[in-house]
Amino acid sequence: MHVRQMTTAYLFHENEVLMIKRSSSRVFNFKFWSGVGGHIEPEEINDPKTAALREIYEESGIAQQEIKEFSLRYILLRLKDDEIRQQYIYFGQTDRKDCTPSDEGELFWIKHEELAQLHMSTINRLMLEDYFQDPAGTEVKVGTIAIGDNGEPYIQWAKLKDPMMF
């Protein structure tokens, strides 16, 4: 079994979220939306935050010093064929709204209440629903996607805690 590690970042400016509309990927063969991000490079394996900041800069031109309150909030796990996909999800704030175009897709600032209308991966849609229940939270949650008895996908959540620190 292979492991693919990725990062995704959702940057906020007031009531809007920076989203990228990608034309296609290995997952979808149609246009879909996501936060900015991509694969973790070999030298970044132990530092997904650096990978996320690199991807933000590559895809939007927004530099690390232009991002505030940047923190890891979710680690998502998903099985796809013979591959385990591990995705580190970061959230942050920025005062910068202008973005540098990239060949990764088109960037848009979307009002957060309109996110549910966008075509995005199920695991990211469910994660965003969870995030907006407590956007000021500081805990890191680990989520794995599953299918319920009703055939609908859901995420099994666990708060990431050090068991020795209780």
N, C-alpha and C. Protein backbone atom coordinates (compact mmCIF):
# COMPACT_ATOMS: atom_id res chain seq x y z
N MET A 1 0.84 -1.18 0.00
CA MET A 1 0.00 0.00 0.00
C MET A 1 0.89 1.24 0.00
N HIS A 2 0.51 2.24 -0.76
CA HIS A 2 1.24 3.50 -0.85
C HIS A 2 0.60 4.54 0.07
N VAL A 3 1.39 5.53 0.46
CA VAL A 3 0.88 6.65 1.25
C VAL A 3 1.16 7.93 0.47
N ARG A 4 0.13 8.75 0.32
CA ARG A 4 0.29 10.06 -0.31
C ARG A 4 -0.02 11.11 0.74
N GLN A 5 0.93 12.01 0.99
CA GLN A 5 0.73 13.07 1.97
C GLN A 5 0.55 14.39 1.26
N MET A 6 -0.47 15.13 1.71
CA MET A 6 -0.83 16.39 1.08
C MET A 6 -1.15 17.44 2.14
N THR A 7 -1.14 18.69 1.72
CA THR A 7 -1.59 19.78 2.58
C THR A 7 -2.66 20.57 1.83
N THR A 8 -3.54 21.15 2.60
CA THR A 8 -4.53 22.08 2.06
C THR A 8 -4.66 23.22 3.04
N ALA A 9 -4.81 24.44 2.53
CA ALA A 9 -4.96 25.61 3.39
C ALA A 9 -6.19 26.39 2.97
N TYR A 10 -6.92 26.84 3.98
CA TYR A 10 -8.07 27.72 3.78
C TYR A 10 -7.73 29.05 4.42
N LEU A 11 -7.55 30.06 3.57
CA LEU A 11 -7.23 31.40 4.05
C LEU A 11 -8.49 32.25 4.03
N PHE A 12 -8.69 33.01 5.10
CA PHE A 12 -9.86 33.86 5.24
C PHE A 12 -9.47 35.33 5.15
N HIS A 13 -10.33 36.09 4.51
CA HIS A 13 -10.27 37.55 4.52
C HIS A 13 -11.69 37.99 4.87
N GLU A 14 -11.85 38.44 6.11
CA GLU A 14 -13.17 38.78 6.63
C GLU A 14 -14.11 37.59 6.47
N ASN A 15 -15.18 37.70 5.69
CA ASN A 15 -16.17 36.64 5.56
C ASN A 15 -15.95 35.79 4.31
N GLU A 16 -14.78 35.90 3.71
CA GLU A 16 -14.52 35.17 2.47
C GLU A 16 -13.35 34.19 2.67
N VAL A 17 -13.38 33.12 1.87
CA VAL A 17 -12.36 32.07 1.91
C VAL A 17 -11.71 31.98 0.52
N LEU A 18 -10.39 31.90 0.49
CA LEU A 18 -9.69 31.74 -0.78
C LEU A 18 -9.85 30.30 -1.24
N MET A 19 -10.43 30.13 -2.43
CA MET A 19 -10.65 28.81 -3.00
C MET A 19 -10.06 28.77 -4.40
N ILE A 20 -9.65 27.59 -4.80
CA ILE A 20 -9.12 27.40 -6.14
C ILE A 20 -10.05 26.46 -6.90
N LYS A 21 -10.37 26.85 -8.11
CA LYS A 21 -11.18 26.01 -8.98
C LYS A 21 -10.21 25.31 -9.92
N ARG A 22 -10.07 24.02 -9.69
CA ARG A 22 -9.13 23.23 -10.49
C ARG A 22 -9.88 22.59 -11.64
N SER A 23 -9.17 22.44 -12.76
CA SER A 23 -9.83 21.87 -13.93
C SER A 23 -9.98 20.36 -13.83
N SER A 24 -9.01 19.66 -13.23
CA SER A 24 -9.12 18.21 -13.07
C SER A 24 -7.97 17.74 -12.19
N SER A 25 -8.03 16.46 -11.81
CA SER A 25 -6.97 15.88 -11.00
C SER A 25 -7.02 14.36 -11.16
N ARG A 26 -6.20 13.68 -10.36
CA ARG A 26 -6.26 12.22 -10.36
C ARG A 26 -7.56 11.73 -9.71
N VAL A 27 -8.17 12.57 -8.89
CA VAL A 27 -9.39 12.18 -8.19
C VAL A 27 -10.62 12.46 -9.04
N PHE A 28 -10.68 13.65 -9.67
CA PHE A 28 -11.84 14.06 -10.46
C PHE A 28 -11.43 14.32 -11.89
N ASN A 29 -12.30 14.02 -12.83
CA ASN A 29 -12.02 14.37 -14.23
C ASN A 29 -12.92 15.51 -14.67
N PHE A 30 -13.28 16.39 -13.73
CA PHE A 30 -14.11 17.56 -14.01
C PHE A 30 -13.63 18.68 -13.10
N LYS A 31 -14.16 19.89 -13.32
CA LYS A 31 -13.76 21.04 -12.49
C LYS A 31 -14.29 20.86 -11.08
N PHE A 32 -13.43 21.15 -10.12
CA PHE A 32 -13.84 21.06 -8.73
C PHE A 32 -13.09 22.12 -7.92
N TRP A 33 -13.58 22.37 -6.71
CA TRP A 33 -13.06 23.42 -5.84
C TRP A 33 -12.32 22.81 -4.65
N SER A 34 -11.33 23.55 -4.17
CA SER A 34 -10.64 23.16 -2.94
C SER A 34 -9.92 24.38 -2.37
N GLY A 35 -9.38 24.20 -1.18
CA GLY A 35 -8.45 25.18 -0.67
C GLY A 35 -7.16 25.05 -1.47
N VAL A 36 -6.22 25.95 -1.25
CA VAL A 36 -4.95 25.85 -1.96
C VAL A 36 -4.09 24.80 -1.28
N GLY A 37 -3.31 24.11 -2.07
CA GLY A 37 -2.46 23.08 -1.48
C GLY A 37 -1.98 22.09 -2.50
N GLY A 38 -1.33 21.05 -2.00
CA GLY A 38 -0.80 20.03 -2.90
C GLY A 38 0.01 19.02 -2.13
N HIS A 39 0.87 18.34 -2.83
CA HIS A 39 1.65 17.26 -2.25
C HIS A 39 2.82 17.77 -1.42
N ILE A 40 3.14 17.00 -0.40
CA ILE A 40 4.30 17.29 0.44
C ILE A 40 5.53 16.73 -0.27
N GLU A 41 6.54 17.57 -0.41
CA GLU A 41 7.79 17.15 -1.04
C GLU A 41 8.59 16.28 -0.06
N PRO A 42 9.48 15.41 -0.56
CA PRO A 42 10.23 14.51 0.33
C PRO A 42 10.94 15.22 1.49
N GLU A 43 11.51 16.37 1.24
CA GLU A 43 12.23 17.09 2.31
C GLU A 43 11.28 17.75 3.31
N GLU A 44 9.96 17.74 3.03
CA GLU A 44 8.96 18.35 3.91
C GLU A 44 8.16 17.32 4.71
N ILE A 45 8.47 16.05 4.56
CA ILE A 45 7.67 14.97 5.17
C ILE A 45 7.40 15.22 6.65
N ASN A 46 8.38 15.70 7.39
CA ASN A 46 8.20 15.95 8.82
C ASN A 46 7.79 17.38 9.12
N ASP A 47 7.41 18.14 8.10
CA ASP A 47 7.06 19.54 8.30
C ASP A 47 5.95 19.96 7.33
N PRO A 48 4.73 19.43 7.52
CA PRO A 48 3.65 19.77 6.59
C PRO A 48 3.28 21.26 6.59
N LYS A 49 3.56 21.97 7.68
CA LYS A 49 3.27 23.40 7.70
C LYS A 49 4.11 24.14 6.66
N THR A 50 5.38 23.77 6.56
CA THR A 50 6.24 24.37 5.53
C THR A 50 5.71 24.06 4.14
N ALA A 51 5.25 22.83 3.94
CA ALA A 51 4.68 22.45 2.65
C ALA A 51 3.43 23.27 2.34
N ALA A 52 2.58 23.47 3.34
CA ALA A 52 1.36 24.26 3.13
C ALA A 52 1.70 25.70 2.76
N LEU A 53 2.64 26.29 3.47
CA LEU A 53 3.03 27.68 3.17
C LEU A 53 3.66 27.79 1.78
N ARG A 54 4.46 26.79 1.40
CA ARG A 54 5.05 26.78 0.05
C ARG A 54 3.95 26.72 -0.99
N GLU A 55 2.99 25.81 -0.79
CA GLU A 55 1.89 25.66 -1.76
C GLU A 55 1.06 26.94 -1.86
N ILE A 56 0.80 27.59 -0.73
CA ILE A 56 0.05 28.85 -0.76
C ILE A 56 0.78 29.86 -1.63
N TYR A 57 2.09 29.99 -1.41
CA TYR A 57 2.86 30.96 -2.18
C TYR A 57 2.88 30.58 -3.67
N GLU A 58 3.10 29.31 -3.97
CA GLU A 58 3.16 28.87 -5.37
C GLU A 58 1.83 29.09 -6.09
N GLU A 59 0.72 28.85 -5.41
CA GLU A 59 -0.59 28.91 -6.07
C GLU A 59 -1.25 30.28 -6.00
N SER A 60 -0.84 31.13 -5.04
CA SER A 60 -1.54 32.42 -4.90
C SER A 60 -0.62 33.63 -4.83
N GLY A 61 0.65 33.42 -4.55
CA GLY A 61 1.57 34.54 -4.37
C GLY A 61 1.51 35.14 -2.98
N ILE A 62 0.67 34.61 -2.09
CA ILE A 62 0.57 35.11 -0.72
C ILE A 62 1.72 34.49 0.09
N ALA A 63 2.54 35.37 0.67
CA ALA A 63 3.72 34.92 1.41
C ALA A 63 3.41 34.66 2.88
N GLN A 64 4.27 33.89 3.51
CA GLN A 64 4.08 33.51 4.91
C GLN A 64 3.85 34.73 5.81
N GLN A 65 4.61 35.80 5.61
CA GLN A 65 4.49 36.98 6.47
C GLN A 65 3.16 37.72 6.27
N GLU A 66 2.40 37.35 5.23
CA GLU A 66 1.09 37.97 4.98
C GLU A 66 -0.06 37.13 5.57
N ILE A 67 0.29 36.08 6.29
CA ILE A 67 -0.70 35.17 6.87
C ILE A 67 -0.61 35.24 8.38
N LYS A 68 -1.77 35.37 9.03
CA LYS A 68 -1.84 35.42 10.49
C LYS A 68 -2.61 34.20 10.99
N GLU A 69 -2.36 33.86 12.25
CA GLU A 69 -3.12 32.81 12.93
C GLU A 69 -3.20 31.52 12.10
N PHE A 70 -2.09 31.12 11.53
CA PHE A 70 -2.02 29.95 10.67
C PHE A 70 -1.81 28.71 11.54
N SER A 71 -2.79 27.81 11.52
CA SER A 71 -2.66 26.65 12.40
C SER A 71 -3.28 25.40 11.78
N LEU A 72 -2.73 24.28 12.20
CA LEU A 72 -3.25 22.98 11.80
C LEU A 72 -4.53 22.72 12.57
N ARG A 73 -5.60 22.36 11.87
CA ARG A 73 -6.88 22.06 12.53
C ARG A 73 -7.35 20.64 12.27
N TYR A 74 -6.95 20.04 11.13
CA TYR A 74 -7.45 18.72 10.78
C TYR A 74 -6.35 17.89 10.12
N ILE A 75 -6.43 16.59 10.37
CA ILE A 75 -5.67 15.60 9.62
C ILE A 75 -6.72 14.62 9.10
N LEU A 76 -6.85 14.53 7.79
CA LEU A 76 -7.86 13.67 7.18
C LEU A 76 -7.20 12.44 6.57
N LEU A 77 -7.80 11.30 6.79
CA LEU A 77 -7.30 10.03 6.25
C LEU A 77 -8.36 9.42 5.36
N ARG A 78 -7.91 8.89 4.24
CA ARG A 78 -8.83 8.29 3.29
C ARG A 78 -8.11 7.18 2.55
N LEU A 79 -8.82 6.09 2.30
CA LEU A 79 -8.28 5.00 1.50
C LEU A 79 -8.82 5.14 0.09
N LYS A 80 -7.94 5.15 -0.89
CA LYS A 80 -8.32 5.23 -2.31
C LYS A 80 -7.57 4.13 -3.04
N ASP A 81 -8.29 3.08 -3.40
CA ASP A 81 -7.68 1.91 -4.03
C ASP A 81 -6.57 1.36 -3.13
N ASP A 82 -5.33 1.36 -3.60
CA ASP A 82 -4.22 0.85 -2.79
C ASP A 82 -3.38 1.98 -2.19
N GLU A 83 -4.01 3.12 -1.98
CA GLU A 83 -3.29 4.30 -1.49
C GLU A 83 -3.99 4.89 -0.28
N ILE A 84 -3.22 5.15 0.78
CA ILE A 84 -3.72 5.88 1.93
C ILE A 84 -3.39 7.35 1.68
N ARG A 85 -4.40 8.19 1.71
CA ARG A 85 -4.20 9.62 1.52
C ARG A 85 -4.32 10.32 2.86
N GLN A 86 -3.25 11.01 3.21
CA GLN A 86 -3.20 11.74 4.48
C GLN A 86 -3.08 13.22 4.14
N GLN A 87 -4.05 13.98 4.62
CA GLN A 87 -4.13 15.40 4.25
C GLN A 87 -4.11 16.25 5.52
N TYR A 88 -3.15 17.18 5.59
CA TYR A 88 -3.04 18.12 6.69
C TYR A 88 -3.76 19.41 6.29
N ILE A 89 -4.73 19.82 7.09
CA ILE A 89 -5.55 20.98 6.74
C ILE A 89 -5.23 22.13 7.69
N TYR A 90 -4.82 23.26 7.12
CA TYR A 90 -4.47 24.46 7.87
C TYR A 90 -5.48 25.57 7.58
N PHE A 91 -5.66 26.44 8.57
CA PHE A 91 -6.52 27.61 8.43
C PHE A 91 -5.73 28.84 8.86
N GLY A 92 -5.99 29.96 8.19
CA GLY A 92 -5.31 31.20 8.54
C GLY A 92 -6.09 32.40 8.05
N GLN A 93 -5.59 33.57 8.40
CA GLN A 93 -6.18 34.85 8.03
C GLN A 93 -5.18 35.64 7.20
N THR A 94 -5.70 36.46 6.29
CA THR A 94 -4.82 37.35 5.53
C THR A 94 -5.58 38.64 5.23
N ASP A 95 -4.84 39.72 5.15
CA ASP A 95 -5.42 41.00 4.73
C ASP A 95 -5.28 41.20 3.23
N ARG A 96 -4.52 40.33 2.59
CA ARG A 96 -4.26 40.46 1.17
C ARG A 96 -5.33 39.74 0.35
N LYS A 97 -5.95 40.46 -0.58
CA LYS A 97 -6.97 39.85 -1.42
C LYS A 97 -6.50 39.63 -2.85
N ASP A 98 -5.49 40.38 -3.27
CA ASP A 98 -5.00 40.17 -4.63
C ASP A 98 -4.12 38.93 -4.65
N CYS A 99 -4.28 38.13 -5.68
CA CYS A 99 -3.52 36.89 -5.79
C CYS A 99 -2.83 36.84 -7.15
N THR A 100 -1.71 36.17 -7.16
CA THR A 100 -0.97 35.95 -8.40
C THR A 100 -1.59 34.74 -9.11
N PRO A 101 -1.94 34.86 -10.38
CA PRO A 101 -2.49 33.71 -11.10
C PRO A 101 -1.49 32.55 -11.16
N SER A 102 -2.04 31.35 -11.16
CA SER A 102 -1.18 30.17 -11.26
C SER A 102 -1.79 29.20 -12.27
N ASP A 103 -0.98 28.28 -12.75
CA ASP A 103 -1.51 27.31 -13.71
C ASP A 103 -2.17 26.13 -13.00
N GLU A 104 -2.30 26.19 -11.66
CA GLU A 104 -2.96 25.14 -10.89
C GLU A 104 -4.48 25.25 -10.97
N GLY A 105 -4.98 26.44 -11.28
CA GLY A 105 -6.42 26.67 -11.34
C GLY A 105 -6.72 28.14 -11.13
N GLU A 106 -8.00 28.48 -11.12
CA GLU A 106 -8.43 29.86 -10.92
C GLU A 106 -8.74 30.11 -9.45
N LEU A 107 -8.25 31.23 -8.92
CA LEU A 107 -8.47 31.60 -7.53
C LEU A 107 -9.66 32.55 -7.39
N PHE A 108 -10.46 32.30 -6.37
CA PHE A 108 -11.63 33.13 -6.09
C PHE A 108 -11.77 33.29 -4.58
N TRP A 109 -12.26 34.44 -4.16
CA TRP A 109 -12.66 34.65 -2.76
C TRP A 109 -14.15 34.37 -2.71
N ILE A 110 -14.54 33.37 -1.92
CA ILE A 110 -15.92 32.91 -1.83
C ILE A 110 -16.44 33.18 -0.42
N LYS A 111 -17.65 33.71 -0.32
CA LYS A 111 -18.26 33.89 1.00
C LYS A 111 -18.43 32.52 1.64
N HIS A 112 -18.10 32.43 2.92
CA HIS A 112 -18.08 31.10 3.54
C HIS A 112 -19.45 30.43 3.54
N GLU A 113 -20.53 31.18 3.55
CA GLU A 113 -21.85 30.56 3.51
C GLU A 113 -22.20 29.99 2.12
N GLU A 114 -21.40 30.30 1.12
CA GLU A 114 -21.62 29.79 -0.24
C GLU A 114 -20.77 28.54 -0.54
N LEU A 115 -19.90 28.15 0.38
CA LEU A 115 -19.01 27.01 0.14
C LEU A 115 -19.77 25.71 -0.11
N ALA A 116 -20.87 25.51 0.59
CA ALA A 116 -21.62 24.25 0.45
C ALA A 116 -22.16 24.06 -0.96
N GLN A 117 -22.27 25.13 -1.73
CA GLN A 117 -22.79 25.05 -3.09
C GLN A 117 -21.72 24.64 -4.11
N LEU A 118 -20.46 24.64 -3.70
CA LEU A 118 -19.37 24.34 -4.62
C LEU A 118 -19.16 22.83 -4.74
N HIS A 119 -18.72 22.39 -5.91
CA HIS A 119 -18.42 20.98 -6.15
C HIS A 119 -17.02 20.70 -5.61
N MET A 120 -16.95 19.98 -4.49
CA MET A 120 -15.65 19.66 -3.89
C MET A 120 -15.68 18.23 -3.39
N SER A 121 -14.52 17.73 -2.98
CA SER A 121 -14.46 16.37 -2.47
C SER A 121 -15.34 16.24 -1.23
N THR A 122 -15.92 15.07 -1.05
CA THR A 122 -16.81 14.84 0.08
C THR A 122 -16.09 15.02 1.40
N ILE A 123 -14.87 14.51 1.51
CA ILE A 123 -14.16 14.61 2.78
C ILE A 123 -13.87 16.06 3.16
N ASN A 124 -13.55 16.90 2.17
CA ASN A 124 -13.30 18.31 2.46
C ASN A 124 -14.60 19.05 2.76
N ARG A 125 -15.67 18.72 2.08
CA ARG A 125 -16.97 19.34 2.35
C ARG A 125 -17.40 19.04 3.79
N LEU A 126 -17.30 17.77 4.20
CA LEU A 126 -17.68 17.38 5.56
C LEU A 126 -16.77 18.02 6.60
N MET A 127 -15.48 18.14 6.29
CA MET A 127 -14.54 18.79 7.21
C MET A 127 -14.90 20.26 7.38
N LEU A 128 -15.24 20.95 6.29
CA LEU A 128 -15.61 22.36 6.39
C LEU A 128 -16.90 22.54 7.20
N GLU A 129 -17.85 21.62 7.04
CA GLU A 129 -19.06 21.68 7.86
C GLU A 129 -18.70 21.60 9.34
N ASP A 130 -17.78 20.71 9.69
CA ASP A 130 -17.33 20.59 11.08
C ASP A 130 -16.62 21.87 11.53
N TYR A 131 -15.75 22.39 10.69
CA TYR A 131 -14.99 23.60 11.03
C TYR A 131 -15.93 24.76 11.37
N PHE A 132 -16.95 24.98 10.57
CA PHE A 132 -17.83 26.13 10.79
C PHE A 132 -18.73 25.97 12.02
N GLN A 133 -18.74 24.80 12.62
CA GLN A 133 -19.44 24.65 13.90
C GLN A 133 -18.64 25.27 15.04
N ASP A 134 -17.31 25.39 14.87
CA ASP A 134 -16.44 25.97 15.89
C ASP A 134 -15.20 26.57 15.23
N PRO A 135 -15.37 27.66 14.45
CA PRO A 135 -14.21 28.21 13.72
C PRO A 135 -13.12 28.77 14.64
N ALA A 136 -13.45 29.11 15.86
CA ALA A 136 -12.44 29.65 16.78
C ALA A 136 -11.74 28.57 17.57
N GLY A 137 -12.08 27.31 17.34
CA GLY A 137 -11.47 26.20 18.07
C GLY A 137 -9.98 26.11 17.84
N THR A 138 -9.32 25.43 18.73
CA THR A 138 -7.86 25.29 18.62
C THR A 138 -7.43 23.83 18.57
N GLU A 139 -8.35 22.91 18.77
CA GLU A 139 -8.00 21.50 18.78
C GLU A 139 -7.72 21.00 17.36
N VAL A 140 -6.87 19.99 17.29
CA VAL A 140 -6.62 19.30 16.03
C VAL A 140 -7.48 18.05 16.05
N LYS A 141 -8.23 17.85 14.97
CA LYS A 141 -9.07 16.66 14.85
C LYS A 141 -8.54 15.78 13.73
N VAL A 142 -8.63 14.47 13.97
CA VAL A 142 -8.27 13.49 12.96
C VAL A 142 -9.58 12.90 12.47
N GLY A 143 -9.75 12.83 11.16
CA GLY A 143 -10.99 12.31 10.60
C GLY A 143 -10.74 11.27 9.53
N THR A 144 -11.54 10.21 9.57
CA THR A 144 -11.53 9.21 8.51
C THR A 144 -12.92 9.15 7.93
N ILE A 145 -13.01 9.05 6.64
CA ILE A 145 -14.30 9.02 5.99
C ILE A 145 -14.82 7.58 5.98
N ALA A 146 -16.12 7.46 6.19
CA ALA A 146 -16.77 6.15 6.22
C ALA A 146 -18.13 6.28 5.55
N ILE A 147 -18.77 5.15 5.31
CA ILE A 147 -20.11 5.13 4.74
C ILE A 147 -21.06 4.59 5.81
N GLY A 148 -22.13 5.35 6.07
CA GLY A 148 -23.10 4.95 7.07
C GLY A 148 -24.04 3.88 6.57
N ASP A 149 -24.88 3.37 7.48
CA ASP A 149 -25.86 2.34 7.13
C ASP A 149 -26.83 2.82 6.05
N ASN A 150 -27.01 4.14 6.00
CA ASN A 150 -27.91 4.72 4.99
C ASN A 150 -27.22 4.94 3.64
N GLY A 151 -25.93 4.55 3.54
CA GLY A 151 -25.19 4.71 2.30
C GLY A 151 -24.57 6.07 2.12
N GLU A 152 -24.74 6.97 3.09
CA GLU A 152 -24.20 8.32 3.00
C GLU A 152 -22.82 8.39 3.68
N PRO A 153 -21.89 9.14 3.10
CA PRO A 153 -20.58 9.28 3.73
C PRO A 153 -20.66 10.18 4.97
N TYR A 154 -19.80 9.89 5.92
CA TYR A 154 -19.65 10.73 7.11
C TYR A 154 -18.20 10.60 7.57
N ILE A 155 -17.81 11.46 8.50
CA ILE A 155 -16.44 11.40 9.01
C ILE A 155 -16.47 10.97 10.47
N GLN A 156 -15.63 10.01 10.80
CA GLN A 156 -15.42 9.60 12.18
C GLN A 156 -14.34 10.51 12.75
N TRP A 157 -14.68 11.30 13.77
CA TRP A 157 -13.75 12.28 14.32
C TRP A 157 -13.13 11.79 15.62
N ALA A 158 -11.88 12.14 15.82
CA ALA A 158 -11.18 11.96 17.10
C ALA A 158 -10.35 13.21 17.33
N LYS A 159 -10.38 13.72 18.55
CA LYS A 159 -9.52 14.86 18.89
C LYS A 159 -8.12 14.32 19.14
N LEU A 160 -7.14 14.98 18.54
CA LEU A 160 -5.76 14.56 18.71
C LEU A 160 -5.26 15.07 20.06
N LYS A 161 -4.98 14.13 20.96
CA LYS A 161 -4.53 14.49 22.30
C LYS A 161 -3.40 13.57 22.71
N ASP A 162 -2.52 14.10 23.53
CA ASP A 162 -1.46 13.31 24.12
C ASP A 162 -2.03 12.61 25.35
N PRO A 163 -2.14 11.26 25.32
CA PRO A 163 -2.77 10.57 26.45
C PRO A 163 -2.00 10.71 27.76
N MET A 164 -0.77 11.12 27.70
CA MET A 164 0.03 11.29 28.91
C MET A 164 -0.20 12.65 29.57
N MET A 165 -0.99 13.53 28.92
CA MET A 165 -1.17 14.91 29.40
C MET A 165 -2.55 15.12 30.02
N PHE A 166 -3.23 14.09 30.45
CA PHE A 166 -4.58 14.27 31.03
C PHE A 166 -4.50 14.63 32.48
